């Protein structure tokens, strides 16, 4: 797949170098990016479950990451600890809930999905 993309980009660059005024490289790159993204998204699925516990901490099961939290006693202040646990920040919590999700790769029909490690950390742009 990587080799195909590299060859395609090389052909595009050579084509555009021949007649730079007629080359719509931006449109072509946008179309290529959408095509690759679409192919990847067809092969993945998002699987989510709820986890809850008494008190101020709710842990997601192994392989899942918290994507949001909910707190009892009308507490709206929460954070995610250790990339695995919802923590309600108000005192005397009666319950805490977590929405836990994981990304899985779809296999051929009749086979199970393969889990993919998901990080909740934001990517850092180094431009």
N, C-alpha and C. Protein backbone atom coordinates (compact mmCIF):
# COMPACT_ATOMS: atom_id res chain seq x y z
N UNK A 1 0.83 -1.20 0.00
CA UNK A 1 0.00 0.00 0.00
C UNK A 1 0.87 1.26 0.00
N UNK A 2 1.91 1.29 0.85
CA UNK A 2 2.78 2.46 0.91
C UNK A 2 3.49 2.68 -0.42
N UNK A 3 3.91 1.58 -1.04
CA UNK A 3 4.62 1.68 -2.31
C UNK A 3 3.70 2.23 -3.40
N UNK A 4 2.45 1.79 -3.41
CA UNK A 4 1.48 2.28 -4.40
C UNK A 4 1.28 3.79 -4.26
N UNK A 5 1.15 4.25 -3.03
CA UNK A 5 0.95 5.67 -2.79
C UNK A 5 2.18 6.46 -3.23
N UNK A 6 3.37 5.95 -2.94
CA UNK A 6 4.60 6.64 -3.34
C UNK A 6 4.71 6.73 -4.85
N UNK A 7 4.40 5.65 -5.56
CA UNK A 7 4.46 5.66 -7.02
C UNK A 7 3.42 6.63 -7.58
N UNK A 8 2.22 6.61 -7.02
CA UNK A 8 1.17 7.52 -7.47
C UNK A 8 1.58 8.97 -7.28
N UNK A 9 2.16 9.29 -6.13
CA UNK A 9 2.61 10.66 -5.88
C UNK A 9 3.72 11.07 -6.84
N UNK A 10 4.63 10.13 -7.16
CA UNK A 10 5.71 10.43 -8.10
C UNK A 10 5.15 10.73 -9.49
N UNK A 11 4.17 9.97 -9.93
CA UNK A 11 3.53 10.21 -11.23
C UNK A 11 2.84 11.56 -11.24
N UNK A 12 2.16 11.89 -10.16
CA UNK A 12 1.47 13.18 -10.06
C UNK A 12 2.46 14.33 -10.15
N UNK A 13 3.57 14.22 -9.43
CA UNK A 13 4.58 15.28 -9.44
C UNK A 13 5.16 15.44 -10.84
N UNK A 14 5.46 14.34 -11.52
CA UNK A 14 6.00 14.43 -12.88
C UNK A 14 4.99 15.05 -13.83
N UNK A 15 3.73 14.68 -13.70
CA UNK A 15 2.68 15.24 -14.55
C UNK A 15 2.55 16.74 -14.32
N UNK A 16 2.56 17.14 -13.07
CA UNK A 16 2.40 18.56 -12.74
C UNK A 16 3.63 19.37 -13.14
N UNK A 17 4.81 18.76 -13.08
CA UNK A 17 6.03 19.48 -13.46
C UNK A 17 6.02 19.81 -14.95
N UNK A 18 5.39 18.97 -15.76
CA UNK A 18 5.33 19.19 -17.20
C UNK A 18 4.49 20.41 -17.54
N UNK A 19 3.40 20.63 -16.83
CA UNK A 19 2.53 21.77 -17.12
C UNK A 19 1.94 22.27 -15.80
N UNK A 20 2.72 23.06 -15.08
CA UNK A 20 2.35 23.51 -13.74
C UNK A 20 1.09 24.35 -13.72
N UNK A 21 0.79 25.08 -14.80
CA UNK A 21 -0.39 25.94 -14.80
C UNK A 21 -1.68 25.15 -14.89
N UNK A 22 -1.64 23.97 -15.49
CA UNK A 22 -2.86 23.16 -15.64
C UNK A 22 -3.01 22.11 -14.54
N UNK A 23 -2.05 22.01 -13.68
CA UNK A 23 -2.06 20.98 -12.65
C UNK A 23 -2.90 21.41 -11.46
N UNK A 24 -3.88 20.61 -11.14
CA UNK A 24 -4.71 20.88 -9.96
C UNK A 24 -4.26 19.97 -8.83
N UNK A 25 -3.03 20.18 -8.38
CA UNK A 25 -2.43 19.31 -7.37
C UNK A 25 -3.22 19.31 -6.07
N UNK A 26 -3.71 20.49 -5.67
CA UNK A 26 -4.48 20.57 -4.42
C UNK A 26 -5.72 19.68 -4.48
N UNK A 27 -6.44 19.77 -5.56
CA UNK A 27 -7.65 18.95 -5.72
C UNK A 27 -7.34 17.48 -5.78
N UNK A 28 -6.25 17.15 -6.48
CA UNK A 28 -5.84 15.76 -6.60
C UNK A 28 -5.40 15.19 -5.26
N UNK A 29 -4.62 15.96 -4.50
CA UNK A 29 -4.18 15.51 -3.18
C UNK A 29 -5.36 15.36 -2.23
N UNK A 30 -6.30 16.29 -2.31
CA UNK A 30 -7.49 16.21 -1.46
C UNK A 30 -8.28 14.94 -1.78
N UNK A 31 -8.44 14.67 -3.05
CA UNK A 31 -9.15 13.47 -3.48
C UNK A 31 -8.44 12.21 -3.03
N UNK A 32 -7.11 12.19 -3.16
CA UNK A 32 -6.31 11.04 -2.73
C UNK A 32 -6.43 10.83 -1.22
N UNK A 33 -6.35 11.91 -0.46
CA UNK A 33 -6.46 11.83 1.00
C UNK A 33 -7.83 11.28 1.40
N UNK A 34 -8.89 11.78 0.77
CA UNK A 34 -10.23 11.30 1.07
C UNK A 34 -10.37 9.83 0.74
N UNK A 35 -9.78 9.40 -0.36
CA UNK A 35 -9.85 8.01 -0.78
C UNK A 35 -9.15 7.09 0.23
N UNK A 36 -7.97 7.48 0.67
CA UNK A 36 -7.22 6.68 1.65
C UNK A 36 -7.97 6.64 2.99
N UNK A 37 -8.46 7.80 3.43
CA UNK A 37 -9.20 7.86 4.70
C UNK A 37 -10.45 6.99 4.63
N UNK A 38 -11.14 7.04 3.52
CA UNK A 38 -12.35 6.23 3.35
C UNK A 38 -12.03 4.74 3.42
N UNK A 39 -10.94 4.33 2.78
CA UNK A 39 -10.54 2.92 2.80
C UNK A 39 -10.21 2.46 4.21
N UNK A 40 -9.54 3.31 4.98
CA UNK A 40 -9.19 2.97 6.36
C UNK A 40 -10.45 2.89 7.22
N UNK A 41 -11.33 3.87 7.08
CA UNK A 41 -12.54 3.90 7.91
C UNK A 41 -13.47 2.73 7.63
N UNK A 42 -13.43 2.17 6.42
CA UNK A 42 -14.25 1.01 6.11
C UNK A 42 -13.79 -0.22 6.88
N UNK A 43 -12.56 -0.22 7.37
CA UNK A 43 -11.99 -1.39 8.04
C UNK A 43 -11.97 -1.29 9.56
N UNK A 44 -12.47 -0.19 10.11
CA UNK A 44 -12.46 -0.06 11.56
C UNK A 44 -13.87 0.15 12.11
N UNK A 45 -14.02 -0.18 13.35
CA UNK A 45 -15.29 0.03 14.03
C UNK A 45 -15.01 0.55 15.45
N UNK A 46 -15.93 1.31 15.99
CA UNK A 46 -15.81 1.82 17.35
C UNK A 46 -16.76 1.04 18.24
N UNK A 47 -16.24 0.46 19.28
CA UNK A 47 -17.03 -0.33 20.21
C UNK A 47 -17.01 0.37 21.57
N UNK A 48 -18.20 0.68 22.10
CA UNK A 48 -18.28 1.41 23.38
C UNK A 48 -19.17 0.68 24.37
N UNK A 49 -18.82 0.80 25.65
CA UNK A 49 -19.61 0.25 26.75
C UNK A 49 -19.63 1.27 27.88
N UNK A 50 -20.51 1.05 28.85
CA UNK A 50 -20.57 1.90 30.04
C UNK A 50 -19.99 1.14 31.23
N UNK A 51 -19.29 1.86 32.08
CA UNK A 51 -18.78 1.29 33.33
C UNK A 51 -19.17 2.24 34.45
N UNK A 52 -19.60 1.70 35.58
CA UNK A 52 -19.97 2.56 36.71
C UNK A 52 -19.51 1.93 38.01
N UNK A 53 -19.42 2.78 39.02
CA UNK A 53 -18.98 2.31 40.33
C UNK A 53 -19.49 3.27 41.40
N UNK A 54 -19.55 2.79 42.62
CA UNK A 54 -19.87 3.65 43.75
C UNK A 54 -18.64 4.49 44.07
N UNK A 55 -18.86 5.69 44.57
CA UNK A 55 -17.73 6.55 44.92
C UNK A 55 -17.34 7.46 43.77
N UNK A 56 -16.11 7.93 43.78
CA UNK A 56 -15.68 8.95 42.82
C UNK A 56 -14.81 8.43 41.68
N UNK A 57 -14.60 7.09 41.59
CA UNK A 57 -13.77 6.53 40.53
C UNK A 57 -14.49 5.41 39.79
N UNK A 58 -14.41 5.44 38.45
CA UNK A 58 -14.96 4.36 37.62
C UNK A 58 -13.89 3.98 36.60
N UNK A 59 -13.50 2.71 36.60
CA UNK A 59 -12.44 2.21 35.72
C UNK A 59 -13.02 1.57 34.47
N UNK A 60 -12.35 1.81 33.34
CA UNK A 60 -12.71 1.14 32.10
C UNK A 60 -12.02 -0.22 32.07
N UNK A 61 -12.67 -1.22 31.45
CA UNK A 61 -12.03 -2.54 31.35
C UNK A 61 -10.78 -2.48 30.47
N UNK A 62 -9.94 -3.49 30.56
CA UNK A 62 -8.72 -3.56 29.76
C UNK A 62 -9.06 -3.45 28.28
N UNK A 63 -8.27 -2.65 27.57
CA UNK A 63 -8.48 -2.47 26.14
C UNK A 63 -9.38 -1.30 25.79
N UNK A 64 -10.11 -0.79 26.76
CA UNK A 64 -11.01 0.34 26.54
C UNK A 64 -10.42 1.60 27.15
N UNK A 65 -10.78 2.75 26.59
CA UNK A 65 -10.33 4.04 27.09
C UNK A 65 -11.56 4.90 27.39
N UNK A 66 -11.53 5.66 28.49
CA UNK A 66 -12.66 6.53 28.80
C UNK A 66 -12.74 7.70 27.82
N UNK A 67 -13.94 7.94 27.31
CA UNK A 67 -14.16 9.07 26.40
C UNK A 67 -15.01 10.15 27.04
N UNK A 68 -15.64 9.83 28.16
CA UNK A 68 -16.44 10.80 28.89
C UNK A 68 -16.85 10.23 30.23
N UNK A 69 -17.19 11.12 31.16
CA UNK A 69 -17.55 10.68 32.51
C UNK A 69 -18.84 11.36 32.94
N UNK A 70 -19.49 10.75 33.93
CA UNK A 70 -20.70 11.31 34.51
C UNK A 70 -20.63 11.10 36.02
N UNK A 71 -21.12 12.10 36.77
CA UNK A 71 -21.00 12.06 38.23
C UNK A 71 -22.36 12.22 38.90
N UNK A 72 -22.50 11.59 40.06
CA UNK A 72 -23.70 11.76 40.85
C UNK A 72 -23.69 13.08 41.59
N UNK A 73 -24.75 13.34 42.34
CA UNK A 73 -24.90 14.54 43.17
C UNK A 73 -24.74 15.83 42.36
N UNK A 74 -25.15 15.79 41.09
CA UNK A 74 -25.11 16.97 40.20
C UNK A 74 -23.70 17.56 40.08
N UNK A 75 -22.70 16.73 40.20
CA UNK A 75 -21.31 17.19 40.06
C UNK A 75 -20.94 17.19 38.59
N UNK A 76 -20.48 18.30 38.09
CA UNK A 76 -20.11 18.40 36.69
C UNK A 76 -18.61 18.46 36.48
N UNK A 77 -17.84 18.29 37.53
CA UNK A 77 -16.39 18.39 37.42
C UNK A 77 -15.77 17.00 37.47
N UNK A 78 -15.10 16.63 36.39
CA UNK A 78 -14.45 15.32 36.34
C UNK A 78 -13.19 15.40 35.50
N UNK A 79 -12.36 14.39 35.64
CA UNK A 79 -11.15 14.27 34.83
C UNK A 79 -10.88 12.79 34.59
N UNK A 80 -9.97 12.53 33.67
CA UNK A 80 -9.58 11.15 33.37
C UNK A 80 -8.16 10.95 33.89
N UNK A 81 -8.00 9.94 34.74
CA UNK A 81 -6.71 9.64 35.35
C UNK A 81 -6.07 8.42 34.71
N UNK A 82 -4.77 8.49 34.51
CA UNK A 82 -3.99 7.35 34.01
C UNK A 82 -4.56 6.76 32.72
N UNK A 83 -5.24 7.58 31.93
CA UNK A 83 -5.77 7.14 30.65
C UNK A 83 -6.71 5.94 30.78
N UNK A 84 -7.27 5.73 31.98
CA UNK A 84 -8.08 4.54 32.22
C UNK A 84 -9.25 4.75 33.18
N UNK A 85 -9.22 5.82 33.98
CA UNK A 85 -10.18 5.97 35.08
C UNK A 85 -10.87 7.33 35.06
N UNK A 86 -12.20 7.31 35.17
CA UNK A 86 -12.96 8.54 35.35
C UNK A 86 -12.94 8.91 36.84
N UNK A 87 -12.69 10.19 37.12
CA UNK A 87 -12.63 10.66 38.49
C UNK A 87 -13.55 11.86 38.64
N UNK A 88 -14.54 11.75 39.50
CA UNK A 88 -15.41 12.88 39.80
C UNK A 88 -14.75 13.71 40.90
N UNK A 89 -14.67 15.03 40.68
CA UNK A 89 -13.88 15.89 41.56
C UNK A 89 -14.64 16.46 42.75
N UNK A 90 -15.95 16.31 42.79
CA UNK A 90 -16.72 16.84 43.92
C UNK A 90 -16.65 15.88 45.11
N UNK A 91 -16.75 16.42 46.29
CA UNK A 91 -16.69 15.61 47.51
C UNK A 91 -17.96 14.77 47.68
N UNK A 92 -17.81 13.65 48.36
CA UNK A 92 -18.93 12.78 48.73
C UNK A 92 -19.74 12.29 47.54
N UNK A 93 -19.08 11.74 46.55
CA UNK A 93 -19.77 11.21 45.38
C UNK A 93 -20.45 9.89 45.70
N UNK A 94 -21.69 9.74 45.26
CA UNK A 94 -22.36 8.47 45.47
C UNK A 94 -22.11 7.50 44.31
N UNK A 95 -21.88 8.02 43.09
CA UNK A 95 -21.58 7.16 41.95
C UNK A 95 -20.81 7.93 40.87
N UNK A 96 -20.10 7.17 40.06
CA UNK A 96 -19.37 7.71 38.91
C UNK A 96 -19.55 6.73 37.76
N UNK A 97 -19.74 7.26 36.57
CA UNK A 97 -19.89 6.42 35.38
C UNK A 97 -18.89 6.87 34.31
N UNK A 98 -18.47 5.91 33.49
CA UNK A 98 -17.53 6.19 32.40
C UNK A 98 -18.09 5.60 31.11
N UNK A 99 -17.91 6.33 30.03
CA UNK A 99 -18.19 5.79 28.70
C UNK A 99 -16.84 5.32 28.18
N UNK A 100 -16.72 4.04 27.93
CA UNK A 100 -15.44 3.43 27.56
C UNK A 100 -15.52 2.90 26.13
N UNK A 101 -14.53 3.27 25.31
CA UNK A 101 -14.55 2.87 23.90
C UNK A 101 -13.21 2.27 23.49
N UNK A 102 -13.26 1.47 22.42
CA UNK A 102 -12.04 0.95 21.80
C UNK A 102 -12.27 0.89 20.30
N UNK A 103 -11.18 0.97 19.56
CA UNK A 103 -11.22 0.85 18.10
C UNK A 103 -10.83 -0.57 17.76
N UNK A 104 -11.57 -1.18 16.85
CA UNK A 104 -11.27 -2.54 16.41
C UNK A 104 -11.22 -2.58 14.89
N UNK A 105 -10.38 -3.44 14.35
CA UNK A 105 -10.26 -3.61 12.90
C UNK A 105 -11.19 -4.74 12.48
N UNK A 106 -12.04 -4.47 11.49
CA UNK A 106 -12.96 -5.49 10.99
C UNK A 106 -12.18 -6.52 10.19
N UNK A 107 -12.50 -7.76 10.40
CA UNK A 107 -11.89 -8.85 9.63
C UNK A 107 -12.88 -9.32 8.57
N UNK A 108 -12.50 -10.33 7.83
CA UNK A 108 -13.39 -10.89 6.82
C UNK A 108 -14.62 -11.47 7.53
N UNK A 109 -15.76 -11.58 6.83
CA UNK A 109 -16.98 -12.10 7.46
C UNK A 109 -16.73 -13.44 8.15
N UNK A 110 -17.31 -13.57 9.33
CA UNK A 110 -17.18 -14.80 10.09
C UNK A 110 -16.01 -14.82 11.05
N UNK A 111 -15.16 -13.78 11.02
CA UNK A 111 -14.02 -13.72 11.93
C UNK A 111 -14.24 -12.60 12.94
N UNK A 112 -13.59 -12.72 14.08
CA UNK A 112 -13.68 -11.70 15.11
C UNK A 112 -12.90 -10.46 14.70
N UNK A 113 -13.21 -9.34 15.37
CA UNK A 113 -12.46 -8.12 15.13
C UNK A 113 -11.17 -8.14 15.94
N UNK A 114 -10.18 -7.40 15.48
CA UNK A 114 -8.91 -7.29 16.17
C UNK A 114 -8.85 -5.95 16.86
N UNK A 115 -8.52 -5.95 18.14
CA UNK A 115 -8.44 -4.70 18.89
C UNK A 115 -7.23 -3.89 18.46
N UNK A 116 -7.38 -2.58 18.50
CA UNK A 116 -6.30 -1.65 18.20
C UNK A 116 -6.10 -0.77 19.41
N UNK A 117 -4.87 -0.59 19.84
CA UNK A 117 -4.59 0.27 20.99
C UNK A 117 -4.98 1.70 20.66
N UNK A 118 -5.76 2.33 21.52
CA UNK A 118 -6.22 3.70 21.30
C UNK A 118 -5.70 4.59 22.41
N UNK A 119 -5.10 5.69 22.03
CA UNK A 119 -4.60 6.64 23.01
C UNK A 119 -5.54 7.84 23.06
N UNK A 120 -5.78 8.35 24.24
CA UNK A 120 -6.60 9.56 24.35
C UNK A 120 -5.74 10.80 24.34
N UNK A 121 -4.41 10.62 24.23
CA UNK A 121 -3.51 11.77 24.17
C UNK A 121 -3.65 12.45 22.81
N UNK A 122 -3.60 13.76 22.80
CA UNK A 122 -3.69 14.51 21.55
C UNK A 122 -2.35 14.47 20.84
N UNK A 123 -2.38 14.33 19.49
CA UNK A 123 -1.13 14.34 18.75
C UNK A 123 -0.47 15.72 18.82
N UNK A 124 0.83 15.74 18.78
CA UNK A 124 1.57 17.00 18.81
C UNK A 124 2.05 17.29 17.41
N UNK A 125 1.70 18.47 16.90
CA UNK A 125 2.10 18.88 15.57
C UNK A 125 3.49 19.49 15.62
N UNK A 126 4.37 18.96 14.81
CA UNK A 126 5.74 19.48 14.74
C UNK A 126 5.97 19.97 13.32
N UNK A 127 5.51 21.20 13.04
CA UNK A 127 5.58 21.70 11.67
C UNK A 127 6.67 22.66 11.42
